[in-house]
Amino acid sequence: MSHTTKPEQEGVRNHHSRRNFLLYSGATVAATGLMLSGCEPYFPTPMPGNNGEGGIDLGSGDVGILNYAYALEQLEAAFYTKVIDRPFGGMTSKERDLLEDLKEHEIIHREFFKAALGTNAIPGLEVDFSGIDFSDRMSVLGTAKAFEDLGVSAYNGAGRLIKDVNYLLLAGKIVSVEARHAAAIRSIFGDDATAFAGDDIVDPLTGLDVAKSPQTVLATASKFLKTKLNGSNLPTM
């Protein structure tokens, strides 16, 4: 006979409902996504770029930008998956729920780009998290903060490079989620609760979030990747 109380039952039901929603919404997005059917087939392979740079070529045009986003989503999904698989000591239920939701969101984003790109997608990336202490709360949350801030600045910087308005709309929807992630992580990281919109990410004069170029973002992301990426063929204007 179960002795689970009604509030506990509601909590379990809501927990599973949220998980099911995330999984089903991911499947729906992947199934009804913006396929790149109008683009010439592109098969990513290790090759030199315009400047002789090696690594997996992300491609050019909108395909390249979507592969760029796909690479970042792979990195974030891999990070949060490991965080949940190896929770740091003293992780609270609130922290776990937040980090698990972020994991599910990033997996949905990753799978969406993979499905939308089809044969144009770069392969799965090999990550390098050797510099992260997954047993330490500050190490994990500090890395999460860095990843989320990087993701927001990446989408902000890439938006002007996207030609297809449908892909631009998609990027706008995803960056808003990434910004929510960044604010949520900042709200539980450190002692300053106002840092969720600090001057380091929001220009105090313009009120606009930071935007970074793909080359700047890739230079930072590469520190957590064993797979080398080549973004030299990405659009610049």
C-alpha atoms as a PDB file:
ATOM      1  CA  MET A   1       0.000   0.000   0.000  1.00  0.00           C
ATOM      2  CA  SER A   2       1.400   3.390  -0.991  1.00  0.00           C
ATOM      3  CA  HIS A   3       1.822   6.041   1.685  1.00  0.00           C
ATOM      4  CA  THR A   4       2.631   8.847  -0.741  1.00  0.00           C
ATOM      5  CA  THR A   5       0.837  12.026   0.300  1.00  0.00           C
ATOM      6  CA  LYS A   6      -1.281  14.062  -2.108  1.00  0.00           C
ATOM      7  CA  PRO A   7       1.242  16.945  -2.350  1.00  0.00           C
ATOM      8  CA  GLU A   8       3.993  14.409  -3.074  1.00  0.00           C
ATOM      9  CA  GLN A   9       1.831  12.762  -5.722  1.00  0.00           C
ATOM     10  CA  GLU A  10       1.167  16.136  -7.333  1.00  0.00           C
ATOM     11  CA  GLY A  11       4.876  16.892  -7.311  1.00  0.00           C
ATOM     12  CA  VAL A  12       5.709  13.590  -8.997  1.00  0.00           C
ATOM     13  CA  ARG A  13       2.908  14.103 -11.533  1.00  0.00           C
ATOM     14  CA  ASN A  14       4.077  17.635 -12.361  1.00  0.00           C
ATOM     15  CA  HIS A  15       7.680  16.452 -12.595  1.00  0.00           C
ATOM     16  CA  HIS A  16       6.804  13.739 -15.108  1.00  0.00           C
ATOM     17  CA  SER A  17       4.437  16.023 -16.990  1.00  0.00           C
ATOM     18  CA  ARG A  18       7.244  18.528 -17.470  1.00  0.00           C
ATOM     19  CA  ARG A  19       9.616  15.800 -18.631  1.00  0.00           C
ATOM     20  CA  ASN A  20       7.022  14.386 -21.052  1.00  0.00           C
ATOM     21  CA  PHE A  21       6.303  17.840 -22.426  1.00  0.00           C
ATOM     22  CA  LEU A  22       9.998  18.440 -23.048  1.00  0.00           C
ATOM     23  CA  LEU A  23      10.453  15.089 -24.760  1.00  0.00           C
ATOM     24  CA  TYR A  24       7.314  15.318 -26.874  1.00  0.00           C
ATOM     25  CA  SER A  25       7.983  18.924 -27.836  1.00  0.00           C
ATOM     26  CA  GLY A  26      11.487  17.919 -28.906  1.00  0.00           C
ATOM     27  CA  ALA A  27      10.146  15.135 -31.092  1.00  0.00           C
ATOM     28  CA  THR A  28       7.563  17.480 -32.623  1.00  0.00           C
ATOM     29  CA  VAL A  29      10.146  20.159 -33.350  1.00  0.00           C
ATOM     30  CA  ALA A  30      12.435  17.619 -34.969  1.00  0.00           C
ATOM     31  CA  ALA A  31       9.614  16.152 -37.044  1.00  0.00           C
ATOM     32  CA  THR A  32       8.201  19.467 -38.236  1.00  0.00           C
ATOM     33  CA  GLY A  33      11.451  21.417 -38.348  1.00  0.00           C
ATOM     34  CA  LEU A  34      12.778  23.682 -41.074  1.00  0.00           C
ATOM     35  CA  MET A  35      14.595  21.203 -43.267  1.00  0.00           C
ATOM     36  CA  LEU A  36      17.313  22.552 -45.517  1.00  0.00           C
ATOM     37  CA  SER A  37      15.752  20.968 -48.588  1.00  0.00           C
ATOM     38  CA  GLY A  38      16.454  24.002 -50.735  1.00  0.00           C
ATOM     39  CA  CYS A  39      20.190  23.860 -50.148  1.00  0.00           C
ATOM     40  CA  GLU A  40      22.774  21.951 -52.095  1.00  0.00           C
ATOM     41  CA  PRO A  41      23.849  18.788 -50.221  1.00  0.00           C
ATOM     42  CA  TYR A  42      26.849  19.551 -48.069  1.00  0.00           C
ATOM     43  CA  PHE A  43      28.957  16.818 -46.517  1.00  0.00           C
ATOM     44  CA  PRO A  44      31.164  18.138 -43.704  1.00  0.00           C
ATOM     45  CA  THR A  45      34.675  16.694 -43.729  1.00  0.00           C
ATOM     46  CA  PRO A  46      38.040  17.690 -42.274  1.00  0.00           C
ATOM     47  CA  MET A  47      39.401  20.183 -44.772  1.00  0.00           C
ATOM     48  CA  PRO A  48      41.290  23.479 -44.963  1.00  0.00           C
ATOM     49  CA  GLY A  49      39.211  26.636 -44.917  1.00  0.00           C
ATOM     50  CA  ASN A  50      39.831  29.908 -46.697  1.00  0.00           C
ATOM     51  CA  ASN A  51      42.818  30.644 -44.480  1.00  0.00           C
ATOM     52  CA  GLY A  52      44.236  27.119 -44.487  1.00  0.00           C
ATOM     53  CA  GLU A  53      42.761  26.373 -41.067  1.00  0.00           C
ATOM     54  CA  GLY A  54      42.092  22.687 -40.431  1.00  0.00           C
ATOM     55  CA  GLY A  55      39.263  20.901 -38.646  1.00  0.00           C
ATOM     56  CA  ILE A  56      35.654  20.003 -39.428  1.00  0.00           C
ATOM     57  CA  ASP A  57      34.413  22.657 -41.835  1.00  0.00           C
ATOM     58  CA  LEU A  58      31.135  24.114 -40.553  1.00  0.00           C
ATOM     59  CA  GLY A  59      30.249  25.236 -44.063  1.00  0.00           C
ATOM     60  CA  SER A  60      29.106  28.564 -45.457  1.00  0.00           C
ATOM     61  CA  GLY A  61      25.915  30.607 -45.629  1.00  0.00           C
ATOM     62  CA  ASP A  62      22.929  29.585 -43.537  1.00  0.00           C
ATOM     63  CA  VAL A  63      24.095  25.953 -43.458  1.00  0.00           C
ATOM     64  CA  GLY A  64      27.310  27.069 -41.806  1.00  0.00           C
ATOM     65  CA  ILE A  65      25.511  29.223 -39.224  1.00  0.00           C
ATOM     66  CA  LEU A  66      23.118  26.403 -38.338  1.00  0.00           C
ATOM     67  CA  ASN A  67      26.036  23.982 -37.996  1.00  0.00           C
ATOM     68  CA  TYR A  68      27.721  26.566 -35.772  1.00  0.00           C
ATOM     69  CA  ALA A  69      24.621  26.652 -33.555  1.00  0.00           C
ATOM     70  CA  TYR A  70      24.404  22.847 -33.663  1.00  0.00           C
ATOM     71  CA  ALA A  71      27.991  22.586 -32.413  1.00  0.00           C
ATOM     72  CA  LEU A  72      27.265  24.863 -29.451  1.00  0.00           C
ATOM     73  CA  GLU A  73      24.087  22.952 -28.580  1.00  0.00           C
ATOM     74  CA  GLN A  74      26.045  19.685 -28.671  1.00  0.00           C
ATOM     75  CA  LEU A  75      28.537  21.149 -26.211  1.00  0.00           C
ATOM     76  CA  GLU A  76      25.871  22.397 -23.808  1.00  0.00           C
ATOM     77  CA  ALA A  77      23.824  19.192 -23.979  1.00  0.00           C
ATOM     78  CA  ALA A  78      26.926  17.099 -23.223  1.00  0.00           C
ATOM     79  CA  PHE A  79      27.822  19.331 -20.270  1.00  0.00           C
ATOM     80  CA  TYR A  80      24.418  19.237 -18.580  1.00  0.00           C
ATOM     81  CA  THR A  81      24.077  15.507 -19.213  1.00  0.00           C
ATOM     82  CA  LYS A  82      27.294  14.934 -17.278  1.00  0.00           C
ATOM     83  CA  VAL A  83      26.191  17.345 -14.538  1.00  0.00           C
ATOM     84  CA  ILE A  84      23.015  15.327 -13.966  1.00  0.00           C
ATOM     85  CA  ASP A  85      24.807  11.989 -14.262  1.00  0.00           C
ATOM     86  CA  ARG A  86      27.398  13.092 -11.696  1.00  0.00           C
ATOM     87  CA  PRO A  87      25.651  15.591  -9.377  1.00  0.00           C
ATOM     88  CA  PHE A  88      27.952  17.666  -7.200  1.00  0.00           C
ATOM     89  CA  GLY A  89      27.846  17.199  -3.453  1.00  0.00           C
ATOM     90  CA  GLY A  90      25.060  19.042  -1.692  1.00  0.00           C
ATOM     91  CA  MET A  91      23.070  19.691  -4.860  1.00  0.00           C
ATOM     92  CA  THR A  92      19.635  20.860  -3.733  1.00  0.00           C
ATOM     93  CA  SER A  93      16.404  19.619  -5.280  1.00  0.00           C
ATOM     94  CA  LYS A  94      15.833  23.115  -6.697  1.00  0.00           C
ATOM     95  CA  GLU A  95      19.259  23.128  -8.324  1.00  0.00           C
ATOM     96  CA  ARG A  96      18.769  19.636  -9.695  1.00  0.00           C
ATOM     97  CA  ASP A  97      15.367  20.499 -11.176  1.00  0.00           C
ATOM     98  CA  LEU A  98      16.821  23.589 -12.841  1.00  0.00           C
ATOM     99  CA  LEU A  99      19.886  21.802 -14.212  1.00  0.00           C
ATOM    100  CA  GLU A 100      17.795  18.877 -15.441  1.00  0.00           C
ATOM    101  CA  ASP A 101      15.411  21.226 -17.247  1.00  0.00           C
ATOM    102  CA  LEU A 102      18.370  22.967 -18.876  1.00  0.00           C
ATOM    103  CA  LYS A 103      19.718  19.587 -19.937  1.00  0.00           C
ATOM    104  CA  GLU A 104      16.416  18.655 -21.581  1.00  0.00           C
ATOM    105  CA  HIS A 105      16.158  22.010 -23.350  1.00  0.00           C
ATOM    106  CA  GLU A 106      19.673  21.719 -24.769  1.00  0.00           C
ATOM    107  CA  ILE A 107      19.034  18.172 -25.944  1.00  0.00           C
ATOM    108  CA  ILE A 108      15.874  19.362 -27.735  1.00  0.00           C
ATOM    109  CA  HIS A 109      17.834  22.175 -29.388  1.00  0.00           C
ATOM    110  CA  ARG A 110      20.609  19.777 -30.385  1.00  0.00           C
ATOM    111  CA  GLU A 111      18.229  17.248 -31.901  1.00  0.00           C
ATOM    112  CA  PHE A 112      16.312  19.964 -33.715  1.00  0.00           C
ATOM    113  CA  PHE A 113      19.416  21.237 -35.497  1.00  0.00           C
ATOM    114  CA  LYS A 114      20.517  17.697 -36.294  1.00  0.00           C
ATOM    115  CA  ALA A 115      17.137  16.911 -37.880  1.00  0.00           C
ATOM    116  CA  ALA A 116      16.852  20.255 -39.662  1.00  0.00           C
ATOM    117  CA  LEU A 117      20.337  20.030 -41.155  1.00  0.00           C
ATOM    118  CA  GLY A 118      19.954  16.402 -42.267  1.00  0.00           C
ATOM    119  CA  THR A 119      22.925  15.359 -44.400  1.00  0.00           C
ATOM    120  CA  ASN A 120      24.335  18.880 -44.022  1.00  0.00           C
ATOM    121  CA  ALA A 121      24.955  18.342 -40.298  1.00  0.00           C
ATOM    122  CA  ILE A 122      28.454  18.096 -38.911  1.00  0.00           C
ATOM    123  CA  PRO A 123      29.188  14.859 -37.000  1.00  0.00           C
ATOM    124  CA  GLY A 124      28.843  14.398 -33.270  1.00  0.00           C
ATOM    125  CA  LEU A 125      31.592  16.257 -31.429  1.00  0.00           C
ATOM    126  CA  GLU A 126      34.001  14.866 -28.850  1.00  0.00           C
ATOM    127  CA  VAL A 127      34.104  17.083 -25.776  1.00  0.00           C
ATOM    128  CA  ASP A 128      36.889  17.783 -23.311  1.00  0.00           C
ATOM    129  CA  PHE A 129      35.649  18.596 -19.813  1.00  0.00           C
ATOM    130  CA  SER A 130      38.914  17.694 -18.083  1.00  0.00           C
ATOM    131  CA  GLY A 131      39.194  21.214 -16.673  1.00  0.00           C
ATOM    132  CA  ILE A 132      35.826  21.011 -14.892  1.00  0.00           C
ATOM    133  CA  ASP A 133      35.464  19.555 -11.403  1.00  0.00           C
ATOM    134  CA  PHE A 134      31.976  18.047 -11.594  1.00  0.00           C
ATOM    135  CA  SER A 135      32.057  17.279  -7.866  1.00  0.00           C
ATOM    136  CA  ASP A 136      32.389  20.962  -7.004  1.00  0.00           C
ATOM    137  CA  ARG A 137      29.304  23.228  -7.036  1.00  0.00           C
ATOM    138  CA  MET A 138      31.141  26.426  -7.933  1.00  0.00           C
ATOM    139  CA  SER A 139      33.068  24.751 -10.741  1.00  0.00           C
ATOM    140  CA  VAL A 140      29.855  23.380 -12.272  1.00  0.00           C
ATOM    141  CA  LEU A 141      27.774  26.535 -11.862  1.00  0.00           C
ATOM    142  CA  GLY A 142      30.656  28.729 -13.001  1.00  0.00           C
ATOM    143  CA  THR A 143      30.983  26.674 -16.177  1.00  0.00           C
ATOM    144  CA  ALA A 144      27.213  26.686 -16.698  1.00  0.00           C
ATOM    145  CA  LYS A 145      27.246  30.481 -16.366  1.00  0.00           C
ATOM    146  CA  ALA A 146      30.064  30.744 -18.909  1.00  0.00           C
ATOM    147  CA  PHE A 147      28.317  28.406 -21.372  1.00  0.00           C
ATOM    148  CA  GLU A 148      24.959  30.159 -21.131  1.00  0.00           C
ATOM    149  CA  ASP A 149      26.460  33.626 -21.501  1.00  0.00           C
ATOM    150  CA  LEU A 150      28.493  32.369 -24.437  1.00  0.00           C
ATOM    151  CA  GLY A 151      25.401  30.864 -26.077  1.00  0.00           C
ATOM    152  CA  VAL A 152      23.403  34.083 -25.804  1.00  0.00           C
ATOM    153  CA  SER A 153      26.249  36.173 -27.225  1.00  0.00           C
ATOM    154  CA  ALA A 154      26.722  33.610 -30.020  1.00  0.00           C
ATOM    155  CA  TYR A 155      23.106  33.769 -31.207  1.00  0.00           C
ATOM    156  CA  ASN A 156      23.108  37.565 -30.875  1.00  0.00           C
ATOM    157  CA  GLY A 157      26.231  37.810 -32.997  1.00  0.00           C
ATOM    158  CA  ALA A 158      25.088  35.304 -35.631  1.00  0.00           C
ATOM    159  CA  GLY A 159      21.611  36.760 -36.153  1.00  0.00           C
ATOM    160  CA  ARG A 160      22.754  39.390 -38.650  1.00  0.00           C
ATOM    161  CA  LEU A 161      24.515  36.712 -40.700  1.00  0.00           C
ATOM    162  CA  ILE A 162      21.378  34.625 -41.320  1.00  0.00           C
ATOM    163  CA  LYS A 163      19.705  35.224 -44.682  1.00  0.00           C
ATOM    164  CA  ASP A 164      16.582  33.063 -44.450  1.00  0.00           C
ATOM    165  CA  VAL A 165      13.973  34.822 -42.297  1.00  0.00           C
ATOM    166  CA  ASN A 166      12.608  31.459 -41.109  1.00  0.00           C
ATOM    167  CA  TYR A 167      15.981  30.503 -39.657  1.00  0.00           C
ATOM    168  CA  LEU A 168      16.295  33.973 -38.145  1.00  0.00           C
ATOM    169  CA  LEU A 169      12.934  33.493 -36.431  1.00  0.00           C
ATOM    170  CA  LEU A 170      14.119  30.136 -35.099  1.00  0.00           C
ATOM    171  CA  ALA A 171      17.337  31.658 -33.782  1.00  0.00           C
ATOM    172  CA  GLY A 172      15.346  34.385 -32.065  1.00  0.00           C
ATOM    173  CA  LYS A 173      13.179  31.832 -30.289  1.00  0.00           C
ATOM    174  CA  ILE A 174      16.171  29.786 -29.144  1.00  0.00           C
ATOM    175  CA  VAL A 175      18.226  32.751 -27.928  1.00  0.00           C
ATOM    176  CA  SER A 176      15.323  33.831 -25.732  1.00  0.00           C
ATOM    177  CA  VAL A 177      15.424  30.404 -24.057  1.00  0.00           C
ATOM    178  CA  GLU A 178      19.208  30.592 -23.700  1.00  0.00           C
ATOM    179  CA  ALA A 179      18.824  34.013 -22.054  1.00  0.00           C
ATOM    180  CA  ARG A 180      16.364  32.524 -19.563  1.00  0.00           C
ATOM    181  CA  HIS A 181      18.943  29.828 -18.829  1.00  0.00           C
ATOM    182  CA  ALA A 182      21.656  32.434 -18.289  1.00  0.00           C
ATOM    183  CA  ALA A 183      19.463  34.437 -15.916  1.00  0.00           C
ATOM    184  CA  ALA A 184      18.446  31.312 -13.984  1.00  0.00           C
ATOM    185  CA  ILE A 185      22.044  30.167 -13.521  1.00  0.00           C
ATOM    186  CA  ARG A 186      23.171  33.641 -12.495  1.00  0.00           C
ATOM    187  CA  SER A 187      20.368  33.831  -9.944  1.00  0.00           C
ATOM    188  CA  ILE A 188      21.772  30.846  -8.015  1.00  0.00           C
ATOM    189  CA  PHE A 189      25.462  31.520  -8.646  1.00  0.00           C
ATOM    190  CA  GLY A 190      27.312  33.711  -6.139  1.00  0.00           C
ATOM    191  CA  ASP A 191      25.922  36.179  -3.650  1.00  0.00           C
ATOM    192  CA  ASP A 192      24.778  39.013  -5.942  1.00  0.00           C
ATOM    193  CA  ALA A 193      21.200  38.259  -6.997  1.00  0.00           C
ATOM    194  CA  THR A 194      21.227  41.243  -9.401  1.00  0.00           C
ATOM    195  CA  ALA A 195      24.042  39.732 -11.458  1.00  0.00           C
ATOM    196  CA  PHE A 196      21.498  37.974 -13.685  1.00  0.00           C
ATOM    197  CA  ALA A 197      21.632  41.128 -15.828  1.00  0.00           C
ATOM    198  CA  GLY A 198      25.050  42.476 -14.893  1.00  0.00           C
ATOM    199  CA  ASP A 199      27.037  45.061 -16.838  1.00  0.00           C
ATOM    200  CA  ASP A 200      29.289  42.273 -18.098  1.00  0.00           C
ATOM    201  CA  ILE A 201      26.479  40.950 -20.294  1.00  0.00           C
ATOM    202  CA  VAL A 202      24.105  43.905 -20.719  1.00  0.00           C
ATOM    203  CA  ASP A 203      25.539  47.197 -21.963  1.00  0.00           C
ATOM    204  CA  PRO A 204      24.427  49.794 -19.387  1.00  0.00           C
ATOM    205  CA  LEU A 205      24.290  52.501 -22.071  1.00  0.00           C
ATOM    206  CA  THR A 206      22.260  50.702 -24.732  1.00  0.00           C
ATOM    207  CA  GLY A 207      20.432  48.141 -22.594  1.00  0.00           C
ATOM    208  CA  LEU A 208      21.374  45.501 -25.175  1.00  0.00           C
ATOM    209  CA  ASP A 209      22.929  42.116 -24.558  1.00  0.00           C
ATOM    210  CA  VAL A 210      26.462  41.283 -25.645  1.00  0.00           C
ATOM    211  CA  ALA A 211      26.957  39.944 -29.185  1.00  0.00           C
ATOM    212  CA  LYS A 212      30.070  38.025 -30.234  1.00  0.00           C
ATOM    213  CA  SER A 213      31.311  36.914 -33.643  1.00  0.00           C
ATOM    214  CA  PRO A 214      31.448  33.201 -34.516  1.00  0.00           C
ATOM    215  CA  GLN A 215      35.245  33.279 -34.542  1.00  0.00           C
ATOM    216  CA  THR A 216      35.365  34.722 -31.009  1.00  0.00           C
ATOM    217  CA  VAL A 217      32.820  32.200 -29.733  1.00  0.00           C
ATOM    218  CA  LEU A 218      34.532  29.239 -31.404  1.00  0.00           C
ATOM    219  CA  ALA A 219      37.857  30.237 -29.857  1.00  0.00           C
ATOM    220  CA  THR A 220      36.255  29.947 -26.404  1.00  0.00           C
ATOM    221  CA  ALA A 221      34.225  26.813 -27.154  1.00  0.00           C
ATOM    222  CA  SER A 222      37.283  25.031 -28.575  1.00  0.00           C
ATOM    223  CA  LYS A 223      38.751  24.879 -25.065  1.00  0.00           C
ATOM    224  CA  PHE A 224      36.055  22.318 -24.235  1.00  0.00           C
ATOM    225  CA  LEU A 225      36.258  20.323 -27.470  1.00  0.00           C
ATOM    226  CA  LYS A 226      38.614  17.603 -28.627  1.00  0.00           C
ATOM    227  CA  THR A 227      37.100  17.848 -32.110  1.00  0.00           C
ATOM    228  CA  LYS A 228      38.567  20.784 -33.992  1.00  0.00           C
ATOM    229  CA  LEU A 229      36.078  23.014 -35.798  1.00  0.00           C
ATOM    230  CA  ASN A 230      36.805  25.178 -38.808  1.00  0.00           C
ATOM    231  CA  GLY A 231      34.605  28.264 -39.051  1.00  0.00           C
ATOM    232  CA  SER A 232      36.684  30.138 -41.634  1.00  0.00           C
ATOM    233  CA  ASN A 233      34.007  29.710 -44.321  1.00  0.00           C
ATOM    234  CA  LEU A 234      31.201  31.163 -42.210  1.00  0.00           C
ATOM    235  CA  PRO A 235      29.650  34.408 -43.458  1.00  0.00           C
ATOM    236  CA  THR A 236      30.981  37.629 -41.961  1.00  0.00           C
ATOM    237  CA  MET A 237      28.399  40.131 -43.199  1.00  0.00           C
END
